[in-house]
Amino acid sequence: MCPNHQLLNQSKNGTLSFCCQNKFFRLVFNNLCFELYEWELQKFKKYLHEIDVPYWEKRLAVSINSRRIPITIGCKHVMVLVNRHELFELQQLLENEQKMKWLGLKDIDYNFIEN
């Protein structure tokens, strides 16, 4: 774990940061954490934009899971399943590396209870 992370972008479910010491990007999305060098990040961004969303939603329409879009991550038996909105958020998180977007009130998942 790098102590000198520079936050590059943030969304409701994730953050993209850069480790100045080790020269890699850390992508944290939901409960997943990816540590990628620049060339790996570029390939991952390209791969995400090439995913055929309508194809996967149609092919896995009868799936019991609401997440129907697979993202392979290199291992033969491991893949990440996302839905259309999560994929779009992930693409936006990686696309705007230099622009940090502030979270709005509706982006914060918190149950406020007045006493």
PDB file of N, CA and C in Angstrom:
ATOM      1  N   MET A   1       0.838  -1.177   0.000  1.00  0.00           N
ATOM      2  CA  MET A   1       0.000   0.000   0.000  1.00  0.00           C
ATOM      3  C   MET A   1       0.887   1.246   0.000  1.00  0.00           C
ATOM      4  N   CYS A   2       0.607   2.118  -0.889  1.00  0.00           N
ATOM      5  CA  CYS A   2       1.390   3.345  -1.043  1.00  0.00           C
ATOM      6  C   CYS A   2       0.819   4.453  -0.152  1.00  0.00           C
ATOM      7  N   PRO A   3       1.655   5.091   0.662  1.00  0.00           N
ATOM      8  CA  PRO A   3       1.151   6.165   1.524  1.00  0.00           C
ATOM      9  C   PRO A   3       0.967   7.499   0.796  1.00  0.00           C
ATOM     10  N   ASN A   4       1.570   7.669  -0.379  1.00  0.00           N
ATOM     11  CA  ASN A   4       1.504   8.951  -1.093  1.00  0.00           C
ATOM     12  C   ASN A   4       0.585   8.867  -2.295  1.00  0.00           C
ATOM     13  N   HIS A   5      -0.697   8.679  -2.079  1.00  0.00           N
ATOM     14  CA  HIS A   5      -1.645   8.619  -3.190  1.00  0.00           C
ATOM     15  C   HIS A   5      -2.180  10.003  -3.506  1.00  0.00           C
ATOM     16  N   GLN A   6      -2.217  10.304  -4.801  1.00  0.00           N
ATOM     17  CA  GLN A   6      -2.794  11.554  -5.273  1.00  0.00           C
ATOM     18  C   GLN A   6      -4.140  11.204  -5.901  1.00  0.00           C
ATOM     19  N   LEU A   7      -5.232  11.742  -5.370  1.00  0.00           N
ATOM     20  CA  LEU A   7      -6.566  11.453  -5.863  1.00  0.00           C
ATOM     21  C   LEU A   7      -6.767  12.125  -7.218  1.00  0.00           C
ATOM     22  N   LEU A   8      -7.113  11.329  -8.232  1.00  0.00           N
ATOM     23  CA  LEU A   8      -7.306  11.863  -9.579  1.00  0.00           C
ATOM     24  C   LEU A   8      -8.769  12.045  -9.930  1.00  0.00           C
ATOM     25  N   ASN A   9      -9.595  11.112  -9.490  1.00  0.00           N
ATOM     26  CA  ASN A   9     -11.015  11.183  -9.819  1.00  0.00           C
ATOM     27  C   ASN A   9     -11.784  10.387  -8.793  1.00  0.00           C
ATOM     28  N   GLN A  10     -13.062  10.738  -8.651  1.00  0.00           N
ATOM     29  CA  GLN A  10     -13.905  10.079  -7.672  1.00  0.00           C
ATOM     30  C   GLN A  10     -15.323  10.023  -8.195  1.00  0.00           C
ATOM     31  N   SER A  11     -16.007   8.934  -7.898  1.00  0.00           N
ATOM     32  CA  SER A  11     -17.412   8.792  -8.252  1.00  0.00           C
ATOM     33  C   SER A  11     -18.144   8.242  -7.041  1.00  0.00           C
ATOM     34  N   LYS A  12     -19.405   7.949  -7.216  1.00  0.00           N
ATOM     35  CA  LYS A  12     -20.218   7.429  -6.107  1.00  0.00           C
ATOM     36  C   LYS A  12     -19.646   6.121  -5.564  1.00  0.00           C
ATOM     37  N   ASN A  13     -19.199   5.246  -6.439  1.00  0.00           N
ATOM     38  CA  ASN A  13     -18.743   3.915  -6.027  1.00  0.00           C
ATOM     39  C   ASN A  13     -17.248   3.685  -6.142  1.00  0.00           C
ATOM     40  N   GLY A  14     -16.478   4.697  -6.512  1.00  0.00           N
ATOM     41  CA  GLY A  14     -15.064   4.420  -6.700  1.00  0.00           C
ATOM     42  C   GLY A  14     -14.168   5.636  -6.678  1.00  0.00           C
ATOM     43  N   THR A  15     -12.873   5.331  -6.651  1.00  0.00           N
ATOM     44  CA  THR A  15     -11.848   6.376  -6.713  1.00  0.00           C
ATOM     45  C   THR A  15     -10.722   5.905  -7.627  1.00  0.00           C
ATOM     46  N   LEU A  16     -10.066   6.861  -8.238  1.00  0.00           N
ATOM     47  CA  LEU A  16      -8.872   6.599  -9.027  1.00  0.00           C
ATOM     48  C   LEU A  16      -7.781   7.477  -8.459  1.00  0.00           C
ATOM     49  N   SER A  17      -6.689   6.855  -8.060  1.00  0.00           N
ATOM     50  CA  SER A  17      -5.581   7.609  -7.487  1.00  0.00           C
ATOM     51  C   SER A  17      -4.274   7.147  -8.115  1.00  0.00           C
ATOM     52  N   PHE A  18      -3.229   7.946  -7.903  1.00  0.00           N
ATOM     53  CA  PHE A  18      -1.914   7.645  -8.457  1.00  0.00           C
ATOM     54  C   PHE A  18      -0.913   7.600  -7.320  1.00  0.00           C
ATOM     55  N   CYS A  19      -0.104   6.549  -7.281  1.00  0.00           N
ATOM     56  CA  CYS A  19       0.940   6.399  -6.275  1.00  0.00           C
ATOM     57  C   CYS A  19       2.236   6.965  -6.848  1.00  0.00           C
ATOM     58  N   CYS A  20       2.691   8.059  -6.295  1.00  0.00           N
ATOM     59  CA  CYS A  20       3.910   8.714  -6.788  1.00  0.00           C
ATOM     60  C   CYS A  20       5.157   7.891  -6.504  1.00  0.00           C
ATOM     61  N   GLN A  21       5.136   7.133  -5.439  1.00  0.00           N
ATOM     62  CA  GLN A  21       6.313   6.346  -5.048  1.00  0.00           C
ATOM     63  C   GLN A  21       6.509   5.137  -5.959  1.00  0.00           C
ATOM     64  N   ASN A  22       5.454   4.371  -6.190  1.00  0.00           N
ATOM     65  CA  ASN A  22       5.550   3.140  -6.979  1.00  0.00           C
ATOM     66  C   ASN A  22       5.147   3.308  -8.441  1.00  0.00           C
ATOM     67  N   LYS A  23       4.644   4.482  -8.805  1.00  0.00           N
ATOM     68  CA  LYS A  23       4.278   4.807 -10.191  1.00  0.00           C
ATOM     69  C   LYS A  23       3.183   3.892 -10.747  1.00  0.00           C
ATOM     70  N   PHE A  24       2.137   3.654  -9.965  1.00  0.00           N
ATOM     71  CA  PHE A  24       0.994   2.911 -10.476  1.00  0.00           C
ATOM     72  C   PHE A  24      -0.299   3.607 -10.072  1.00  0.00           C
ATOM     73  N   PHE A  25      -1.361   3.280 -10.795  1.00  0.00           N
ATOM     74  CA  PHE A  25      -2.683   3.812 -10.519  1.00  0.00           C
ATOM     75  C   PHE A  25      -3.437   2.803  -9.662  1.00  0.00           C
ATOM     76  N   ARG A  26      -4.199   3.295  -8.714  1.00  0.00           N
ATOM     77  CA  ARG A  26      -5.049   2.419  -7.906  1.00  0.00           C
ATOM     78  C   ARG A  26      -6.496   2.778  -8.208  1.00  0.00           C
ATOM     79  N   LEU A  27      -7.218   1.799  -8.715  1.00  0.00           N
ATOM     80  CA  LEU A  27      -8.632   1.946  -9.003  1.00  0.00           C
ATOM     81  C   LEU A  27      -9.399   1.128  -7.974  1.00  0.00           C
ATOM     82  N   VAL A  28     -10.186   1.810  -7.162  1.00  0.00           N
ATOM     83  CA  VAL A  28     -11.031   1.137  -6.178  1.00  0.00           C
ATOM     84  C   VAL A  28     -12.461   1.374  -6.622  1.00  0.00           C
ATOM     85  N   PHE A  29     -13.185   0.291  -6.889  1.00  0.00           N
ATOM     86  CA  PHE A  29     -14.563   0.387  -7.355  1.00  0.00           C
ATOM     87  C   PHE A  29     -15.390  -0.645  -6.609  1.00  0.00           C
ATOM     88  N   ASN A  30     -16.392  -0.174  -5.874  1.00  0.00           N
ATOM     89  CA  ASN A  30     -17.184  -1.015  -4.969  1.00  0.00           C
ATOM     90  C   ASN A  30     -16.235  -1.749  -4.033  1.00  0.00           C
ATOM     91  N   ASN A  31     -16.190  -3.048  -4.070  1.00  0.00           N
ATOM     92  CA  ASN A  31     -15.285  -3.782  -3.182  1.00  0.00           C
ATOM     93  C   ASN A  31     -14.082  -4.346  -3.933  1.00  0.00           C
ATOM     94  N   LEU A  32     -13.791  -3.805  -5.099  1.00  0.00           N
ATOM     95  CA  LEU A  32     -12.661  -4.266  -5.913  1.00  0.00           C
ATOM     96  C   LEU A  32     -11.542  -3.235  -5.893  1.00  0.00           C
ATOM     97  N   CYS A  33     -10.320  -3.714  -5.912  1.00  0.00           N
ATOM     98  CA  CYS A  33      -9.160  -2.823  -5.950  1.00  0.00           C
ATOM     99  C   CYS A  33      -8.203  -3.324  -7.025  1.00  0.00           C
ATOM    100  N   PHE A  34      -7.877  -2.457  -7.986  1.00  0.00           N
ATOM    101  CA  PHE A  34      -6.940  -2.783  -9.053  1.00  0.00           C
ATOM    102  C   PHE A  34      -5.741  -1.848  -8.933  1.00  0.00           C
ATOM    103  N   GLU A  35      -4.546  -2.398  -9.028  1.00  0.00           N
ATOM    104  CA  GLU A  35      -3.338  -1.597  -9.077  1.00  0.00           C
ATOM    105  C   GLU A  35      -2.719  -1.813 -10.452  1.00  0.00           C
ATOM    106  N   LEU A  36      -2.713  -0.757 -11.254  1.00  0.00           N
ATOM    107  CA  LEU A  36      -2.333  -0.858 -12.655  1.00  0.00           C
ATOM    108  C   LEU A  36      -1.262   0.165 -12.999  1.00  0.00           C
ATOM    109  N   TYR A  37      -0.299  -0.268 -13.804  1.00  0.00           N
ATOM    110  CA  TYR A  37       0.648   0.681 -14.374  1.00  0.00           C
ATOM    111  C   TYR A  37      -0.046   1.421 -15.511  1.00  0.00           C
ATOM    112  N   GLU A  38       0.561   2.479 -15.989  1.00  0.00           N
ATOM    113  CA  GLU A  38      -0.100   3.329 -16.983  1.00  0.00           C
ATOM    114  C   GLU A  38      -0.518   2.552 -18.229  1.00  0.00           C
ATOM    115  N   TRP A  39       0.356   1.702 -18.746  1.00  0.00           N
ATOM    116  CA  TRP A  39       0.015   0.953 -19.961  1.00  0.00           C
ATOM    117  C   TRP A  39      -1.134  -0.027 -19.679  1.00  0.00           C
ATOM    118  N   GLU A  40      -1.195  -0.594 -18.483  1.00  0.00           N
ATOM    119  CA  GLU A  40      -2.295  -1.494 -18.131  1.00  0.00           C
ATOM    120  C   GLU A  40      -3.606  -0.721 -17.990  1.00  0.00           C
ATOM    121  N   LEU A  41      -3.527   0.481 -17.437  1.00  0.00           N
ATOM    122  CA  LEU A  41      -4.711   1.317 -17.298  1.00  0.00           C
ATOM    123  C   LEU A  41      -5.272   1.690 -18.661  1.00  0.00           C
ATOM    124  N   GLN A  42      -4.398   2.032 -19.597  1.00  0.00           N
ATOM    125  CA  GLN A  42      -4.845   2.382 -20.952  1.00  0.00           C
ATOM    126  C   GLN A  42      -5.525   1.199 -21.633  1.00  0.00           C
ATOM    127  N   LYS A  43      -4.955   0.006 -21.486  1.00  0.00           N
ATOM    128  CA  LYS A  43      -5.557  -1.187 -22.077  1.00  0.00           C
ATOM    129  C   LYS A  43      -6.901  -1.505 -21.424  1.00  0.00           C
ATOM    130  N   PHE A  44      -6.993  -1.319 -20.114  1.00  0.00           N
ATOM    131  CA  PHE A  44      -8.236  -1.579 -19.401  1.00  0.00           C
ATOM    132  C   PHE A  44      -9.330  -0.603 -19.836  1.00  0.00           C
ATOM    133  N   LYS A  45      -8.969   0.679 -20.000  1.00  0.00           N
ATOM    134  CA  LYS A  45      -9.925   1.672 -20.492  1.00  0.00           C
ATOM    135  C   LYS A  45     -10.429   1.298 -21.881  1.00  0.00           C
ATOM    136  N   LYS A  46      -9.520   0.899 -22.752  1.00  0.00           N
ATOM    137  CA  LYS A  46      -9.899   0.510 -24.115  1.00  0.00           C
ATOM    138  C   LYS A  46     -10.822  -0.710 -24.084  1.00  0.00           C
ATOM    139  N   TYR A  47     -10.488  -1.670 -23.246  1.00  0.00           N
ATOM    140  CA  TYR A  47     -11.298  -2.886 -23.118  1.00  0.00           C
ATOM    141  C   TYR A  47     -12.712  -2.551 -22.638  1.00  0.00           C
ATOM    142  N   LEU A  48     -12.837  -1.654 -21.663  1.00  0.00           N
ATOM    143  CA  LEU A  48     -14.158  -1.288 -21.150  1.00  0.00           C
ATOM    144  C   LEU A  48     -15.024  -0.629 -22.212  1.00  0.00           C
ATOM    145  N   HIS A  49     -14.396   0.176 -23.079  1.00  0.00           N
ATOM    146  CA  HIS A  49     -15.160   0.851 -24.130  1.00  0.00           C
ATOM    147  C   HIS A  49     -15.540  -0.095 -25.267  1.00  0.00           C
ATOM    148  N   GLU A  50     -14.871  -1.235 -25.375  1.00  0.00           N
ATOM    149  CA  GLU A  50     -15.181  -2.192 -26.434  1.00  0.00           C
ATOM    150  C   GLU A  50     -16.243  -3.211 -26.029  1.00  0.00           C
ATOM    151  N   ILE A  51     -16.677  -3.208 -24.788  1.00  0.00           N
ATOM    152  CA  ILE A  51     -17.684  -4.169 -24.327  1.00  0.00           C
ATOM    153  C   ILE A  51     -19.010  -3.867 -25.004  1.00  0.00           C
ATOM    154  N   ASP A  52     -19.607  -4.887 -25.569  1.00  0.00           N
ATOM    155  CA  ASP A  52     -20.889  -4.771 -26.261  1.00  0.00           C
ATOM    156  C   ASP A  52     -22.016  -4.968 -25.240  1.00  0.00           C
ATOM    157  N   VAL A  53     -22.488  -3.879 -24.670  1.00  0.00           N
ATOM    158  CA  VAL A  53     -23.478  -3.924 -23.590  1.00  0.00           C
ATOM    159  C   VAL A  53     -24.791  -4.575 -24.037  1.00  0.00           C
ATOM    160  N   PRO A  54     -25.402  -4.167 -25.158  1.00  0.00           N
ATOM    161  CA  PRO A  54     -26.665  -4.801 -25.565  1.00  0.00           C
ATOM    162  C   PRO A  54     -26.533  -6.315 -25.787  1.00  0.00           C
ATOM    163  N   TYR A  55     -25.393  -6.742 -26.318  1.00  0.00           N
ATOM    164  CA  TYR A  55     -25.179  -8.173 -26.543  1.00  0.00           C
ATOM    165  C   TYR A  55     -25.234  -8.948 -25.232  1.00  0.00           C
ATOM    166  N   TRP A  56     -24.485  -8.473 -24.227  1.00  0.00           N
ATOM    167  CA  TRP A  56     -24.433  -9.193 -22.952  1.00  0.00           C
ATOM    168  C   TRP A  56     -25.752  -9.124 -22.206  1.00  0.00           C
ATOM    169  N   GLU A  57     -26.438  -7.981 -22.284  1.00  0.00           N
ATOM    170  CA  GLU A  57     -27.737  -7.888 -21.613  1.00  0.00           C
ATOM    171  C   GLU A  57     -28.756  -8.833 -22.252  1.00  0.00           C
ATOM    172  N   LYS A  58     -28.673  -8.993 -23.559  1.00  0.00           N
ATOM    173  CA  LYS A  58     -29.589  -9.912 -24.244  1.00  0.00           C
ATOM    174  C   LYS A  58     -29.191 -11.365 -23.989  1.00  0.00           C
ATOM    175  N   ARG A  59     -27.900 -11.645 -24.056  1.00  0.00           N
ATOM    176  CA  ARG A  59     -27.430 -13.018 -23.879  1.00  0.00           C
ATOM    177  C   ARG A  59     -27.695 -13.548 -22.474  1.00  0.00           C
ATOM    178  N   LEU A  60     -27.552 -12.701 -21.479  1.00  0.00           N
ATOM    179  CA  LEU A  60     -27.757 -13.128 -20.101  1.00  0.00           C
ATOM    180  C   LEU A  60     -29.074 -12.601 -19.524  1.00  0.00           C
ATOM    181  N   ALA A  61     -30.068 -12.429 -20.391  1.00  0.00           N
ATOM    182  CA  ALA A  61     -31.359 -11.878 -19.964  1.00  0.00           C
ATOM    183  C   ALA A  61     -32.073 -12.769 -18.955  1.00  0.00           C
ATOM    184  N   VAL A  62     -31.846 -14.055 -19.016  1.00  0.00           N
ATOM    185  CA  VAL A  62     -32.531 -14.972 -18.106  1.00  0.00           C
ATOM    186  C   VAL A  62     -31.722 -15.236 -16.839  1.00  0.00           C
ATOM    187  N   SER A  63     -30.650 -14.519 -16.645  1.00  0.00           N
ATOM    188  CA  SER A  63     -29.804 -14.698 -15.469  1.00  0.00           C
ATOM    189  C   SER A  63     -30.546 -14.259 -14.210  1.00  0.00           C
ATOM    190  N   ILE A  64     -30.282 -14.941 -13.109  1.00  0.00           N
ATOM    191  CA  ILE A  64     -30.914 -14.559 -11.847  1.00  0.00           C
ATOM    192  C   ILE A  64     -30.232 -13.337 -11.236  1.00  0.00           C
ATOM    193  N   ASN A  65     -29.065 -12.999 -11.734  1.00  0.00           N
ATOM    194  CA  ASN A  65     -28.310 -11.857 -11.235  1.00  0.00           C
ATOM    195  C   ASN A  65     -28.672 -10.606 -12.027  1.00  0.00           C
ATOM    196  N   SER A  66     -28.793  -9.468 -11.361  1.00  0.00           N
ATOM    197  CA  SER A  66     -29.107  -8.219 -12.070  1.00  0.00           C
ATOM    198  C   SER A  66     -27.891  -7.659 -12.807  1.00  0.00           C
ATOM    199  N   ARG A  67     -26.709  -8.112 -12.447  1.00  0.00           N
ATOM    200  CA  ARG A  67     -25.491  -7.686 -13.139  1.00  0.00           C
ATOM    201  C   ARG A  67     -25.205  -8.689 -14.242  1.00  0.00           C
ATOM    202  N   ARG A  68     -25.225  -8.202 -15.479  1.00  0.00           N
ATOM    203  CA  ARG A  68     -25.149  -9.126 -16.609  1.00  0.00           C
ATOM    204  C   ARG A  68     -23.980  -8.867 -17.545  1.00  0.00           C
ATOM    205  N   ILE A  69     -23.157  -7.887 -17.265  1.00  0.00           N
ATOM    206  CA  ILE A  69     -22.058  -7.547 -18.168  1.00  0.00           C
ATOM    207  C   ILE A  69     -20.754  -8.039 -17.545  1.00  0.00           C
ATOM    208  N   PRO A  70     -20.109  -9.034 -18.158  1.00  0.00           N
ATOM    209  CA  PRO A  70     -18.873  -9.564 -17.576  1.00  0.00           C
ATOM    210  C   PRO A  70     -17.654  -8.745 -17.987  1.00  0.00           C
ATOM    211  N   ILE A  71     -16.758  -8.571 -17.032  1.00  0.00           N
ATOM    212  CA  ILE A  71     -15.462  -7.946 -17.289  1.00  0.00           C
ATOM    213  C   ILE A  71     -14.424  -8.969 -16.862  1.00  0.00           C
ATOM    214  N   THR A  72     -13.679  -9.492 -17.826  1.00  0.00           N
ATOM    215  CA  THR A  72     -12.626 -10.448 -17.483  1.00  0.00           C
ATOM    216  C   THR A  72     -11.419  -9.673 -16.986  1.00  0.00           C
ATOM    217  N   ILE A  73     -10.741 -10.239 -16.007  1.00  0.00           N
ATOM    218  CA  ILE A  73      -9.626  -9.516 -15.394  1.00  0.00           C
ATOM    219  C   ILE A  73      -8.320 -10.295 -15.470  1.00  0.00           C
ATOM    220  N   GLY A  74      -8.206 -11.205 -16.391  1.00  0.00           N
ATOM    221  CA  GLY A  74      -6.935 -11.887 -16.606  1.00  0.00           C
ATOM    222  C   GLY A  74      -6.901 -13.323 -16.144  1.00  0.00           C
ATOM    223  N   CYS A  75      -7.544 -13.616 -15.035  1.00  0.00           N
ATOM    224  CA  CYS A  75      -7.573 -14.999 -14.556  1.00  0.00           C
ATOM    225  C   CYS A  75      -8.625 -15.774 -15.333  1.00  0.00           C
ATOM    226  N   LYS A  76      -8.354 -17.032 -15.573  1.00  0.00           N
ATOM    227  CA  LYS A  76      -9.249 -17.841 -16.386  1.00  0.00           C
ATOM    228  C   LYS A  76     -10.623 -18.029 -15.736  1.00  0.00           C
ATOM    229  N   HIS A  77     -10.657 -18.171 -14.422  1.00  0.00           N
ATOM    230  CA  HIS A  77     -11.901 -18.494 -13.743  1.00  0.00           C
ATOM    231  C   HIS A  77     -12.480 -17.342 -12.933  1.00  0.00           C
ATOM    232  N   VAL A  78     -11.991 -16.126 -13.165  1.00  0.00           N
ATOM    233  CA  VAL A  78     -12.465 -14.976 -12.404  1.00  0.00           C
ATOM    234  C   VAL A  78     -12.950 -13.898 -13.363  1.00  0.00           C
ATOM    235  N   MET A  79     -14.146 -13.375 -13.097  1.00  0.00           N
ATOM    236  CA  MET A  79     -14.651 -12.242 -13.859  1.00  0.00           C
ATOM    237  C   MET A  79     -15.488 -11.377 -12.932  1.00  0.00           C
ATOM    238  N   VAL A  80     -15.619 -10.136 -13.287  1.00  0.00           N
ATOM    239  CA  VAL A  80     -16.405  -9.183 -12.531  1.00  0.00           C
ATOM    240  C   VAL A  80     -17.689  -8.937 -13.303  1.00  0.00           C
ATOM    241  N   LEU A  81     -18.819  -9.005 -12.624  1.00  0.00           N
ATOM    242  CA  LEU A  81     -20.103  -8.726 -13.256  1.00  0.00           C
ATOM    243  C   LEU A  81     -20.583  -7.348 -12.822  1.00  0.00           C
ATOM    244  N   VAL A  82     -20.983  -6.550 -13.798  1.00  0.00           N
ATOM    245  CA  VAL A  82     -21.505  -5.213 -13.527  1.00  0.00           C
ATOM    246  C   VAL A  82     -22.790  -5.014 -14.310  1.00  0.00           C
ATOM    247  N   ASN A  83     -23.554  -4.003 -13.937  1.00  0.00           N
ATOM    248  CA  ASN A  83     -24.712  -3.645 -14.744  1.00  0.00           C
ATOM    249  C   ASN A  83     -24.345  -2.454 -15.626  1.00  0.00           C
ATOM    250  N   ARG A  84     -25.282  -2.021 -16.438  1.00  0.00           N
ATOM    251  CA  ARG A  84     -25.039  -0.945 -17.407  1.00  0.00           C
ATOM    252  C   ARG A  84     -24.588   0.345 -16.708  1.00  0.00           C
ATOM    253  N   HIS A  85     -25.221   0.684 -15.595  1.00  0.00           N
ATOM    254  CA  HIS A  85     -24.894   1.928 -14.898  1.00  0.00           C
ATOM    255  C   HIS A  85     -23.512   1.866 -14.254  1.00  0.00           C
ATOM    256  N   GLU A  86     -23.162   0.724 -13.700  1.00  0.00           N
ATOM    257  CA  GLU A  86     -21.838   0.571 -13.096  1.00  0.00           C
ATOM    258  C   GLU A  86     -20.742   0.638 -14.153  1.00  0.00           C
ATOM    259  N   LEU A  87     -20.988   0.038 -15.313  1.00  0.00           N
ATOM    260  CA  LEU A  87     -20.010   0.099 -16.394  1.00  0.00           C
ATOM    261  C   LEU A  87     -19.809   1.536 -16.859  1.00  0.00           C
ATOM    262  N   PHE A  88     -20.902   2.276 -17.005  1.00  0.00           N
ATOM    263  CA  PHE A  88     -20.800   3.678 -17.413  1.00  0.00           C
ATOM    264  C   PHE A  88     -20.042   4.486 -16.360  1.00  0.00           C
ATOM    265  N   GLU A  89     -20.327   4.243 -15.088  1.00  0.00           N
ATOM    266  CA  GLU A  89     -19.620   4.956 -14.017  1.00  0.00           C
ATOM    267  C   GLU A  89     -18.131   4.628 -14.017  1.00  0.00           C
ATOM    268  N   LEU A  90     -17.818   3.373 -14.244  1.00  0.00           N
ATOM    269  CA  LEU A  90     -16.416   2.948 -14.302  1.00  0.00           C
ATOM    270  C   LEU A  90     -15.695   3.600 -15.481  1.00  0.00           C
ATOM    271  N   GLN A  91     -16.357   3.663 -16.632  1.00  0.00           N
ATOM    272  CA  GLN A  91     -15.770   4.324 -17.802  1.00  0.00           C
ATOM    273  C   GLN A  91     -15.530   5.804 -17.526  1.00  0.00           C
ATOM    274  N   GLN A  92     -16.491   6.463 -16.889  1.00  0.00           N
ATOM    275  CA  GLN A  92     -16.351   7.878 -16.577  1.00  0.00           C
ATOM    276  C   GLN A  92     -15.238   8.118 -15.558  1.00  0.00           C
ATOM    277  N   LEU A  93     -15.128   7.217 -14.617  1.00  0.00           N
ATOM    278  CA  LEU A  93     -14.084   7.331 -13.600  1.00  0.00           C
ATOM    279  C   LEU A  93     -12.701   7.276 -14.231  1.00  0.00           C
ATOM    280  N   LEU A  94     -12.536   6.431 -15.237  1.00  0.00           N
ATOM    281  CA  LEU A  94     -11.248   6.293 -15.909  1.00  0.00           C
ATOM    282  C   LEU A  94     -11.036   7.342 -16.995  1.00  0.00           C
ATOM    283  N   GLU A  95     -12.109   7.827 -17.585  1.00  0.00           N
ATOM    284  CA  GLU A  95     -11.989   8.760 -18.697  1.00  0.00           C
ATOM    285  C   GLU A  95     -11.535  10.137 -18.243  1.00  0.00           C
ATOM    286  N   ASN A  96     -12.036  10.590 -17.138  1.00  0.00           N
ATOM    287  CA  ASN A  96     -11.734  11.940 -16.665  1.00  0.00           C
ATOM    288  C   ASN A  96     -10.679  11.883 -15.576  1.00  0.00           C
ATOM    289  N   GLU A  97      -9.517  11.383 -15.910  1.00  0.00           N
ATOM    290  CA  GLU A  97      -8.474  11.193 -14.900  1.00  0.00           C
ATOM    291  C   GLU A  97      -8.071  12.487 -14.210  1.00  0.00           C
ATOM    292  N   GLN A  98      -8.031  13.575 -14.923  1.00  0.00           N
ATOM    293  CA  GLN A  98      -7.514  14.808 -14.347  1.00  0.00           C
ATOM    294  C   GLN A  98      -8.602  15.695 -13.753  1.00  0.00           C
ATOM    295  N   LYS A  99      -9.857  15.327 -13.869  1.00  0.00           N
ATOM    296  CA  LYS A  99     -10.953  16.150 -13.369  1.00  0.00           C
ATOM    297  C   LYS A  99     -11.630  15.439 -12.206  1.00  0.00           C
ATOM    298  N   MET A 100     -11.548  16.032 -11.042  1.00  0.00           N
ATOM    299  CA  MET A 100     -12.190  15.427  -9.886  1.00  0.00           C
ATOM    300  C   MET A 100     -13.593  15.991  -9.753  1.00  0.00           C
ATOM    301  N   LYS A 101     -14.590  15.133  -9.744  1.00  0.00           N
ATOM    302  CA  LYS A 101     -15.980  15.537  -9.630  1.00  0.00           C
ATOM    303  C   LYS A 101     -16.408  15.405  -8.180  1.00  0.00           C
ATOM    304  N   TRP A 102     -16.985  16.461  -7.659  1.00  0.00           N
ATOM    305  CA  TRP A 102     -17.452  16.429  -6.277  1.00  0.00           C
ATOM    306  C   TRP A 102     -18.767  15.663  -6.198  1.00  0.00           C
ATOM    307  N   LEU A 103     -18.936  14.922  -5.133  1.00  0.00           N
ATOM    308  CA  LEU A 103     -20.157  14.170  -4.920  1.00  0.00           C
ATOM    309  C   LEU A 103     -21.284  15.109  -4.514  1.00  0.00           C
ATOM    310  N   GLY A 104     -22.478  14.824  -5.021  1.00  0.00           N
ATOM    311  CA  GLY A 104     -23.656  15.578  -4.616  1.00  0.00           C
ATOM    312  C   GLY A 104     -24.354  14.874  -3.467  1.00  0.00           C
ATOM    313  N   LEU A 105     -25.360  15.499  -2.924  1.00  0.00           N
ATOM    314  CA  LEU A 105     -26.090  14.900  -1.812  1.00  0.00           C
ATOM    315  C   LEU A 105     -26.751  13.576  -2.187  1.00  0.00           C
ATOM    316  N   LYS A 106     -27.241  13.483  -3.407  1.00  0.00           N
ATOM    317  CA  LYS A 106     -27.910  12.253  -3.838  1.00  0.00           C
ATOM    318  C   LYS A 106     -26.934  11.118  -4.085  1.00  0.00           C
ATOM    319  N   ASP A 107     -25.641  11.416  -4.229  1.00  0.00           N
ATOM    320  CA  ASP A 107     -24.629  10.394  -4.469  1.00  0.00           C
ATOM    321  C   ASP A 107     -24.191   9.691  -3.189  1.00  0.00           C
ATOM    322  N   ILE A 108     -24.520  10.269  -2.047  1.00  0.00           N
ATOM    323  CA  ILE A 108     -24.104   9.696  -0.773  1.00  0.00           C
ATOM    324  C   ILE A 108     -25.200   8.767  -0.278  1.00  0.00           C
ATOM    325  N   ASP A 109     -24.865   7.500  -0.126  1.00  0.00           N
ATOM    326  CA  ASP A 109     -25.821   6.493   0.311  1.00  0.00           C
ATOM    327  C   ASP A 109     -25.824   6.454   1.841  1.00  0.00           C
ATOM    328  N   TYR A 110     -26.743   7.218   2.429  1.00  0.00           N
ATOM    329  CA  TYR A 110     -26.787   7.328   3.890  1.00  0.00           C
ATOM    330  C   TYR A 110     -28.228   7.483   4.322  1.00  0.00           C
ATOM    331  N   ASN A 111     -28.642   6.694   5.279  1.00  0.00           N
ATOM    332  CA  ASN A 111     -30.001   6.803   5.826  1.00  0.00           C
ATOM    333  C   ASN A 111     -29.980   7.769   6.995  1.00  0.00           C
ATOM    334  N   PHE A 112     -30.561   8.938   6.795  1.00  0.00           N
ATOM    335  CA  PHE A 112     -30.598   9.954   7.829  1.00  0.00           C
ATOM    336  C   PHE A 112     -31.835   9.733   8.674  1.00  0.00           C
ATOM    337  N   ILE A 113     -31.646   9.613   9.964  1.00  0.00           N
ATOM    338  CA  ILE A 113     -32.753   9.383  10.880  1.00  0.00           C
ATOM    339  C   ILE A 113     -32.786  10.529  11.886  1.00  0.00           C
ATOM    340  N   GLU A 114     -33.887  11.257  11.887  1.00  0.00           N
ATOM    341  CA  GLU A 114     -34.040  12.350  12.845  1.00  0.00           C
ATOM    342  C   GLU A 114     -34.564  11.776  14.154  1.00  0.00           C
ATOM    343  N   ASN A 115     -33.986  12.206  15.243  1.00  0.00           N
ATOM    344  CA  ASN A 115     -34.466  11.754  16.555  1.00  0.00           C
ATOM    345  C   ASN A 115     -35.486  12.701  17.102  1.00  0.00           C
TER     346      ASN A 115
END
